[in-house]
């Protein structure tokens, strides 16, 4: 469950909100009552383990029919 906070209030109370997020709280930022963003502790994002990332890459290769060298080329092309 998260606490809803308007954009203006979030702006004026950001240091307090960040301290509370460090303690594990979650906030939903609203703009005129409509949710537009969430502020959550970093561990709440559901980090992907290295093993899970490797398995996803293997699945990607199988499904898309690409080789390891093609994946490497894709990675390298994004670094330019």
PDB file of N, CA and C in Angstrom:
ATOM      1  N   UNK A   1       0.852  -1.186   0.000  1.00  0.00           N
ATOM      2  CA  UNK A   1       0.000   0.000   0.000  1.00  0.00           C
ATOM      3  C   UNK A   1       0.886   1.234   0.000  1.00  0.00           C
ATOM      4  N   UNK A   2       0.498   2.225  -0.780  1.00  0.00           N
ATOM      5  CA  UNK A   2       1.293   3.449  -0.825  1.00  0.00           C
ATOM      6  C   UNK A   2       0.447   4.644  -0.414  1.00  0.00           C
ATOM      7  N   UNK A   3       1.150   5.675   0.002  1.00  0.00           N
ATOM      8  CA  UNK A   3       0.510   6.922   0.388  1.00  0.00           C
ATOM      9  C   UNK A   3       0.406   7.802  -0.847  1.00  0.00           C
ATOM     10  N   UNK A   4      -0.775   8.345  -1.093  1.00  0.00           N
ATOM     11  CA  UNK A   4      -0.966   9.247  -2.236  1.00  0.00           C
ATOM     12  C   UNK A   4      -0.593  10.671  -1.831  1.00  0.00           C
ATOM     13  N   UNK A   5       0.171  11.341  -2.702  1.00  0.00           N
ATOM     14  CA  UNK A   5       0.632  12.703  -2.440  1.00  0.00           C
ATOM     15  C   UNK A   5       0.494  13.492  -3.734  1.00  0.00           C
ATOM     16  N   UNK A   6      -0.069  14.684  -3.631  1.00  0.00           N
ATOM     17  CA  UNK A   6      -0.167  15.560  -4.793  1.00  0.00           C
ATOM     18  C   UNK A   6       1.203  16.057  -5.218  1.00  0.00           C
ATOM     19  N   UNK A   7       1.350  16.419  -6.478  1.00  0.00           N
ATOM     20  CA  UNK A   7       2.637  16.850  -7.022  1.00  0.00           C
ATOM     21  C   UNK A   7       3.195  18.051  -6.268  1.00  0.00           C
ATOM     22  N   UNK A   8       2.361  19.016  -5.951  1.00  0.00           N
ATOM     23  CA  UNK A   8       2.837  20.208  -5.238  1.00  0.00           C
ATOM     24  C   UNK A   8       3.343  19.836  -3.846  1.00  0.00           C
ATOM     25  N   UNK A   9       2.581  19.023  -3.132  1.00  0.00           N
ATOM     26  CA  UNK A   9       3.002  18.592  -1.794  1.00  0.00           C
ATOM     27  C   UNK A   9       4.296  17.788  -1.875  1.00  0.00           C
ATOM     28  N   UNK A  10       4.414  16.916  -2.883  1.00  0.00           N
ATOM     29  CA  UNK A  10       5.624  16.111  -3.051  1.00  0.00           C
ATOM     30  C   UNK A  10       6.832  17.015  -3.272  1.00  0.00           C
ATOM     31  N   UNK A  11       6.630  18.077  -4.046  1.00  0.00           N
ATOM     32  CA  UNK A  11       7.723  19.012  -4.315  1.00  0.00           C
ATOM     33  C   UNK A  11       8.169  19.718  -3.036  1.00  0.00           C
ATOM     34  N   UNK A  12       7.209  20.144  -2.243  1.00  0.00           N
ATOM     35  CA  UNK A  12       7.556  20.906  -1.049  1.00  0.00           C
ATOM     36  C   UNK A  12       8.053  20.023   0.088  1.00  0.00           C
ATOM     37  N   UNK A  13       7.692  18.752   0.079  1.00  0.00           N
ATOM     38  CA  UNK A  13       8.081  17.847   1.166  1.00  0.00           C
ATOM     39  C   UNK A  13       9.019  16.726   0.714  1.00  0.00           C
ATOM     40  N   UNK A  14       9.715  16.929  -0.399  1.00  0.00           N
ATOM     41  CA  UNK A  14      10.541  15.863  -0.953  1.00  0.00           C
ATOM     42  C   UNK A  14      11.561  15.292   0.038  1.00  0.00           C
ATOM     43  N   UNK A  15      12.302  16.106   0.791  1.00  0.00           N
ATOM     44  CA  UNK A  15      13.259  15.513   1.733  1.00  0.00           C
ATOM     45  C   UNK A  15      12.583  14.570   2.748  1.00  0.00           C
ATOM     46  N   UNK A  16      11.426  14.964   3.265  1.00  0.00           N
ATOM     47  CA  UNK A  16      10.700  14.122   4.214  1.00  0.00           C
ATOM     48  C   UNK A  16      10.231  12.830   3.545  1.00  0.00           C
ATOM     49  N   UNK A  17       9.699  12.955   2.327  1.00  0.00           N
ATOM     50  CA  UNK A  17       9.231  11.775   1.597  1.00  0.00           C
ATOM     51  C   UNK A  17      10.387  10.814   1.361  1.00  0.00           C
ATOM     52  N   UNK A  18      11.546  11.340   0.964  1.00  0.00           N
ATOM     53  CA  UNK A  18      12.698  10.470   0.713  1.00  0.00           C
ATOM     54  C   UNK A  18      13.156   9.758   1.986  1.00  0.00           C
ATOM     55  N   UNK A  19      13.122  10.446   3.111  1.00  0.00           N
ATOM     56  CA  UNK A  19      13.477   9.785   4.387  1.00  0.00           C
ATOM     57  C   UNK A  19      12.519   8.643   4.671  1.00  0.00           C
ATOM     58  N   UNK A  20      11.243   8.866   4.412  1.00  0.00           N
ATOM     59  CA  UNK A  20      10.242   7.826   4.669  1.00  0.00           C
ATOM     60  C   UNK A  20      10.393   6.662   3.694  1.00  0.00           C
ATOM     61  N   UNK A  21      10.768   6.967   2.460  1.00  0.00           N
ATOM     62  CA  UNK A  21      11.004   5.903   1.478  1.00  0.00           C
ATOM     63  C   UNK A  21      12.194   5.050   1.920  1.00  0.00           C
ATOM     64  N   UNK A  22      13.223   5.690   2.457  1.00  0.00           N
ATOM     65  CA  UNK A  22      14.372   4.934   2.986  1.00  0.00           C
ATOM     66  C   UNK A  22      13.947   3.955   4.067  1.00  0.00           C
ATOM     67  N   UNK A  23      12.872   4.287   4.767  1.00  0.00           N
ATOM     68  CA  UNK A  23      12.352   3.418   5.829  1.00  0.00           C
ATOM     69  C   UNK A  23      11.436   2.329   5.277  1.00  0.00           C
ATOM     70  N   UNK A  24      11.216   2.334   3.967  1.00  0.00           N
ATOM     71  CA  UNK A  24      10.410   1.288   3.360  1.00  0.00           C
ATOM     72  C   UNK A  24       9.035   1.708   2.879  1.00  0.00           C
ATOM     73  N   UNK A  25       8.653   2.959   3.098  1.00  0.00           N
ATOM     74  CA  UNK A  25       7.336   3.411   2.643  1.00  0.00           C
ATOM     75  C   UNK A  25       7.327   3.629   1.136  1.00  0.00           C
ATOM     76  N   UNK A  26       6.143   3.581   0.563  1.00  0.00           N
ATOM     77  CA  UNK A  26       5.945   3.804  -0.868  1.00  0.00           C
ATOM     78  C   UNK A  26       5.000   4.989  -1.039  1.00  0.00           C
ATOM     79  N   UNK A  27       5.222   5.789  -2.078  1.00  0.00           N
ATOM     80  CA  UNK A  27       4.374   6.947  -2.343  1.00  0.00           C
ATOM     81  C   UNK A  27       3.921   6.937  -3.802  1.00  0.00           C
ATOM     82  N   UNK A  28       2.670   7.315  -4.007  1.00  0.00           N
ATOM     83  CA  UNK A  28       2.140   7.526  -5.354  1.00  0.00           C
ATOM     84  C   UNK A  28       1.951   9.026  -5.514  1.00  0.00           C
ATOM     85  N   UNK A  29       2.596   9.589  -6.519  1.00  0.00           N
ATOM     86  CA  UNK A  29       2.488  11.018  -6.789  1.00  0.00           C
ATOM     87  C   UNK A  29       1.339  11.213  -7.778  1.00  0.00           C
ATOM     88  N   UNK A  30       0.461  12.157  -7.459  1.00  0.00           N
ATOM     89  CA  UNK A  30      -0.686  12.421  -8.317  1.00  0.00           C
ATOM     90  C   UNK A  30      -0.612  13.821  -8.908  1.00  0.00           C
ATOM     91  N   UNK A  31      -1.241  13.976 -10.059  1.00  0.00           N
ATOM     92  CA  UNK A  31      -1.385  15.279 -10.687  1.00  0.00           C
ATOM     93  C   UNK A  31      -2.874  15.465 -10.929  1.00  0.00           C
ATOM     94  N   UNK A  32      -3.466  16.360 -10.168  1.00  0.00           N
ATOM     95  CA  UNK A  32      -4.921  16.585 -10.213  1.00  0.00           C
ATOM     96  C   UNK A  32      -5.693  15.293  -9.962  1.00  0.00           C
ATOM     97  N   UNK A  33      -5.194  14.525  -9.004  1.00  0.00           N
ATOM     98  CA  UNK A  33      -5.878  13.310  -8.598  1.00  0.00           C
ATOM     99  C   UNK A  33      -5.550  12.065  -9.397  1.00  0.00           C
ATOM    100  N   UNK A  34      -4.814  12.225 -10.492  1.00  0.00           N
ATOM    101  CA  UNK A  34      -4.451  11.087 -11.333  1.00  0.00           C
ATOM    102  C   UNK A  34      -3.035  10.625 -10.998  1.00  0.00           C
ATOM    103  N   UNK A  35      -2.846   9.350 -10.672  1.00  0.00           N
ATOM    104  CA  UNK A  35      -1.494   8.853 -10.380  1.00  0.00           C
ATOM    105  C   UNK A  35      -0.575   9.014 -11.587  1.00  0.00           C
ATOM    106  N   UNK A  36       0.606   9.583 -11.358  1.00  0.00           N
ATOM    107  CA  UNK A  36       1.561   9.789 -12.451  1.00  0.00           C
ATOM    108  C   UNK A  36       2.926   9.168 -12.180  1.00  0.00           C
ATOM    109  N   UNK A  37       3.229   8.862 -10.918  1.00  0.00           N
ATOM    110  CA  UNK A  37       4.543   8.305 -10.595  1.00  0.00           C
ATOM    111  C   UNK A  37       4.488   7.614  -9.244  1.00  0.00           C
ATOM    112  N   UNK A  38       5.476   6.748  -9.031  1.00  0.00           N
ATOM    113  CA  UNK A  38       5.627   6.100  -7.736  1.00  0.00           C
ATOM    114  C   UNK A  38       7.053   6.298  -7.250  1.00  0.00           C
ATOM    115  N   UNK A  39       7.181   6.536  -5.975  1.00  0.00           N
ATOM    116  CA  UNK A  39       8.492   6.586  -5.350  1.00  0.00           C
ATOM    117  C   UNK A  39       8.542   5.402  -4.396  1.00  0.00           C
ATOM    118  N   UNK A  40       9.461   4.483  -4.676  1.00  0.00           N
ATOM    119  CA  UNK A  40       9.553   3.252  -3.894  1.00  0.00           C
ATOM    120  C   UNK A  40      11.012   2.997  -3.531  1.00  0.00           C
ATOM    121  N   UNK A  41      11.237   2.241  -2.460  1.00  0.00           N
ATOM    122  CA  UNK A  41      12.620   1.878  -2.132  1.00  0.00           C
ATOM    123  C   UNK A  41      13.230   1.063  -3.269  1.00  0.00           C
ATOM    124  N   UNK A  42      14.522   1.175  -3.507  1.00  0.00           N
ATOM    125  CA  UNK A  42      15.146   0.468  -4.621  1.00  0.00           C
ATOM    126  C   UNK A  42      14.957  -1.045  -4.576  1.00  0.00           C
ATOM    127  N   UNK A  43      14.900  -1.634  -3.409  1.00  0.00           N
ATOM    128  CA  UNK A  43      14.733  -3.088  -3.317  1.00  0.00           C
ATOM    129  C   UNK A  43      13.331  -3.514  -3.717  1.00  0.00           C
ATOM    130  N   UNK A  44      12.390  -2.585  -3.749  1.00  0.00           N
ATOM    131  CA  UNK A  44      11.014  -2.917  -4.100  1.00  0.00           C
ATOM    132  C   UNK A  44      10.830  -3.060  -5.613  1.00  0.00           C
ATOM    133  N   UNK A  45      11.805  -2.709  -6.381  1.00  0.00           N
ATOM    134  CA  UNK A  45      11.687  -2.757  -7.834  1.00  0.00           C
ATOM    135  C   UNK A  45      11.778  -4.161  -8.402  1.00  0.00           C
ATOM    136  N   UNK A  46      12.160  -5.125  -7.598  1.00  0.00           N
ATOM    137  CA  UNK A  46      12.257  -6.479  -8.102  1.00  0.00           C
ATOM    138  C   UNK A  46      13.482  -6.670  -8.982  1.00  0.00           C
ATOM    139  N   UNK A  47      14.635  -6.516  -8.398  1.00  0.00           N
ATOM    140  CA  UNK A  47      15.870  -6.683  -9.144  1.00  0.00           C
ATOM    141  C   UNK A  47      15.942  -8.067  -9.773  1.00  0.00           C
ATOM    142  N   UNK A  48      16.556  -8.125 -10.913  1.00  0.00           N
ATOM    143  CA  UNK A  48      16.741  -9.384 -11.618  1.00  0.00           C
ATOM    144  C   UNK A  48      18.127  -9.913 -11.261  1.00  0.00           C
ATOM    145  N   UNK A  49      18.183 -11.147 -10.819  1.00  0.00           N
ATOM    146  CA  UNK A  49      19.476 -11.731 -10.498  1.00  0.00           C
ATOM    147  C   UNK A  49      20.244 -11.992 -11.785  1.00  0.00           C
ATOM    148  N   UNK A  50      21.547 -12.161 -11.660  1.00  0.00           N
ATOM    149  CA  UNK A  50      22.372 -12.452 -12.829  1.00  0.00           C
ATOM    150  C   UNK A  50      21.920 -13.745 -13.484  1.00  0.00           C
ATOM    151  N   UNK A  51      21.607 -14.747 -12.686  1.00  0.00           N
ATOM    152  CA  UNK A  51      21.166 -16.035 -13.225  1.00  0.00           C
ATOM    153  C   UNK A  51      19.867 -15.874 -14.019  1.00  0.00           C
ATOM    154  N   UNK A  52      18.930 -15.092 -13.477  1.00  0.00           N
ATOM    155  CA  UNK A  52      17.655 -14.861 -14.175  1.00  0.00           C
ATOM    156  C   UNK A  52      17.883 -14.099 -15.479  1.00  0.00           C
ATOM    157  N   UNK A  53      18.806 -13.134 -15.467  1.00  0.00           N
ATOM    158  CA  UNK A  53      19.109 -12.372 -16.678  1.00  0.00           C
ATOM    159  C   UNK A  53      19.689 -13.286 -17.756  1.00  0.00           C
ATOM    160  N   UNK A  54      20.553 -14.197 -17.362  1.00  0.00           N
ATOM    161  CA  UNK A  54      21.140 -15.145 -18.313  1.00  0.00           C
ATOM    162  C   UNK A  54      20.057 -16.037 -18.903  1.00  0.00           C
ATOM    163  N   UNK A  55      19.158 -16.518 -18.065  1.00  0.00           N
ATOM    164  CA  UNK A  55      18.074 -17.371 -18.551  1.00  0.00           C
ATOM    165  C   UNK A  55      17.168 -16.615 -19.519  1.00  0.00           C
ATOM    166  N   UNK A  56      16.901 -15.345 -19.232  1.00  0.00           N
ATOM    167  CA  UNK A  56      16.089 -14.532 -20.145  1.00  0.00           C
ATOM    168  C   UNK A  56      16.783 -14.362 -21.491  1.00  0.00           C
ATOM    169  N   UNK A  57      18.098 -14.168 -21.445  1.00  0.00           N
ATOM    170  CA  UNK A  57      18.850 -14.011 -22.682  1.00  0.00           C
ATOM    171  C   UNK A  57      18.812 -15.300 -23.498  1.00  0.00           C
ATOM    172  N   UNK A  58      18.959 -16.444 -22.834  1.00  0.00           N
ATOM    173  CA  UNK A  58      18.893 -17.730 -23.537  1.00  0.00           C
ATOM    174  C   UNK A  58      17.522 -17.924 -24.176  1.00  0.00           C
ATOM    175  N   UNK A  59      16.473 -17.561 -23.454  1.00  0.00           N
ATOM    176  CA  UNK A  59      15.120 -17.660 -24.000  1.00  0.00           C
ATOM    177  C   UNK A  59      14.965 -16.744 -25.208  1.00  0.00           C
ATOM    178  N   UNK A  60      15.477 -15.533 -25.095  1.00  0.00           N
ATOM    179  CA  UNK A  60      15.434 -14.577 -26.198  1.00  0.00           C
ATOM    180  C   UNK A  60      16.104 -15.169 -27.433  1.00  0.00           C
ATOM    181  N   UNK A  61      17.287 -15.756 -27.235  1.00  0.00           N
ATOM    182  CA  UNK A  61      18.015 -16.337 -28.363  1.00  0.00           C
ATOM    183  C   UNK A  61      17.213 -17.464 -29.008  1.00  0.00           C
ATOM    184  N   UNK A  62      16.606 -18.318 -28.188  1.00  0.00           N
ATOM    185  CA  UNK A  62      15.813 -19.427 -28.719  1.00  0.00           C
ATOM    186  C   UNK A  62      14.594 -18.918 -29.481  1.00  0.00           C
ATOM    187  N   UNK A  63      13.878 -18.010 -28.872  1.00  0.00           N
ATOM    188  CA  UNK A  63      12.630 -17.513 -29.469  1.00  0.00           C
ATOM    189  C   UNK A  63      12.909 -16.720 -30.744  1.00  0.00           C
ATOM    190  N   UNK A  64      13.909 -15.871 -30.712  1.00  0.00           N
ATOM    191  CA  UNK A  64      14.216 -15.012 -31.869  1.00  0.00           C
ATOM    192  C   UNK A  64      15.120 -15.696 -32.885  1.00  0.00           C
ATOM    193  N   UNK A  65      15.724 -16.819 -32.492  1.00  0.00           N
ATOM    194  CA  UNK A  65      16.600 -17.533 -33.411  1.00  0.00           C
ATOM    195  C   UNK A  65      17.875 -16.789 -33.734  1.00  0.00           C
ATOM    196  N   UNK A  66      18.466 -16.167 -32.733  1.00  0.00           N
ATOM    197  CA  UNK A  66      19.715 -15.433 -32.950  1.00  0.00           C
ATOM    198  C   UNK A  66      20.855 -16.144 -32.237  1.00  0.00           C
ATOM    199  N   UNK A  67      22.041 -15.963 -32.760  1.00  0.00           N
ATOM    200  CA  UNK A  67      23.220 -16.582 -32.157  1.00  0.00           C
ATOM    201  C   UNK A  67      23.827 -15.656 -31.111  1.00  0.00           C
ATOM    202  N   UNK A  68      24.748 -16.209 -30.352  1.00  0.00           N
ATOM    203  CA  UNK A  68      25.450 -15.413 -29.349  1.00  0.00           C
ATOM    204  C   UNK A  68      26.202 -14.259 -29.967  1.00  0.00           C
ATOM    205  N   UNK A  69      26.805 -14.488 -31.147  1.00  0.00           N
ATOM    206  CA  UNK A  69      27.550 -13.407 -31.808  1.00  0.00           C
ATOM    207  C   UNK A  69      26.606 -12.305 -32.293  1.00  0.00           C
ATOM    208  N   UNK A  70      25.386 -12.673 -32.683  1.00  0.00           N
ATOM    209  CA  UNK A  70      24.411 -11.654 -33.096  1.00  0.00           C
ATOM    210  C   UNK A  70      23.967 -10.820 -31.891  1.00  0.00           C
ATOM    211  N   UNK A  71      23.796 -11.475 -30.750  1.00  0.00           N
ATOM    212  CA  UNK A  71      23.444 -10.744 -29.528  1.00  0.00           C
ATOM    213  C   UNK A  71      24.570  -9.790 -29.164  1.00  0.00           C
ATOM    214  N   UNK A  72      25.820 -10.256 -29.241  1.00  0.00           N
ATOM    215  CA  UNK A  72      26.976  -9.405 -28.939  1.00  0.00           C
ATOM    216  C   UNK A  72      26.985  -8.196 -29.870  1.00  0.00           C
ATOM    217  N   UNK A  73      26.684  -8.403 -31.158  1.00  0.00           N
ATOM    218  CA  UNK A  73      26.646  -7.301 -32.117  1.00  0.00           C
ATOM    219  C   UNK A  73      25.573  -6.289 -31.751  1.00  0.00           C
ATOM    220  N   UNK A  74      24.407  -6.787 -31.287  1.00  0.00           N
ATOM    221  CA  UNK A  74      23.323  -5.898 -30.862  1.00  0.00           C
ATOM    222  C   UNK A  74      23.774  -5.044 -29.672  1.00  0.00           C
ATOM    223  N   UNK A  75      24.445  -5.685 -28.730  1.00  0.00           N
ATOM    224  CA  UNK A  75      24.920  -4.965 -27.539  1.00  0.00           C
ATOM    225  C   UNK A  75      25.931  -3.908 -27.953  1.00  0.00           C
ATOM    226  N   UNK A  76      26.873  -4.297 -28.770  1.00  0.00           N
ATOM    227  CA  UNK A  76      27.923  -3.365 -29.209  1.00  0.00           C
ATOM    228  C   UNK A  76      27.347  -2.195 -30.002  1.00  0.00           C
ATOM    229  N   UNK A  77      26.329  -2.442 -30.822  1.00  0.00           N
ATOM    230  CA  UNK A  77      25.761  -1.352 -31.628  1.00  0.00           C
ATOM    231  C   UNK A  77      25.075  -0.308 -30.756  1.00  0.00           C
ATOM    232  N   UNK A  78      24.543  -0.730 -29.602  1.00  0.00           N
ATOM    233  CA  UNK A  78      23.912   0.220 -28.684  1.00  0.00           C
ATOM    234  C   UNK A  78      24.925   1.030 -27.902  1.00  0.00           C
ATOM    235  N   UNK A  79      26.157   0.595 -27.864  1.00  0.00           N
ATOM    236  CA  UNK A  79      27.201   1.316 -27.107  1.00  0.00           C
ATOM    237  C   UNK A  79      27.804   2.457 -27.897  1.00  0.00           C
ATOM    238  N   UNK A  80      27.500   2.519 -29.164  1.00  0.00           N
ATOM    239  CA  UNK A  80      28.084   3.580 -30.007  1.00  0.00           C
ATOM    240  C   UNK A  80      27.309   4.840 -29.930  1.00  0.00           C
TER     241      UNK A  80
END
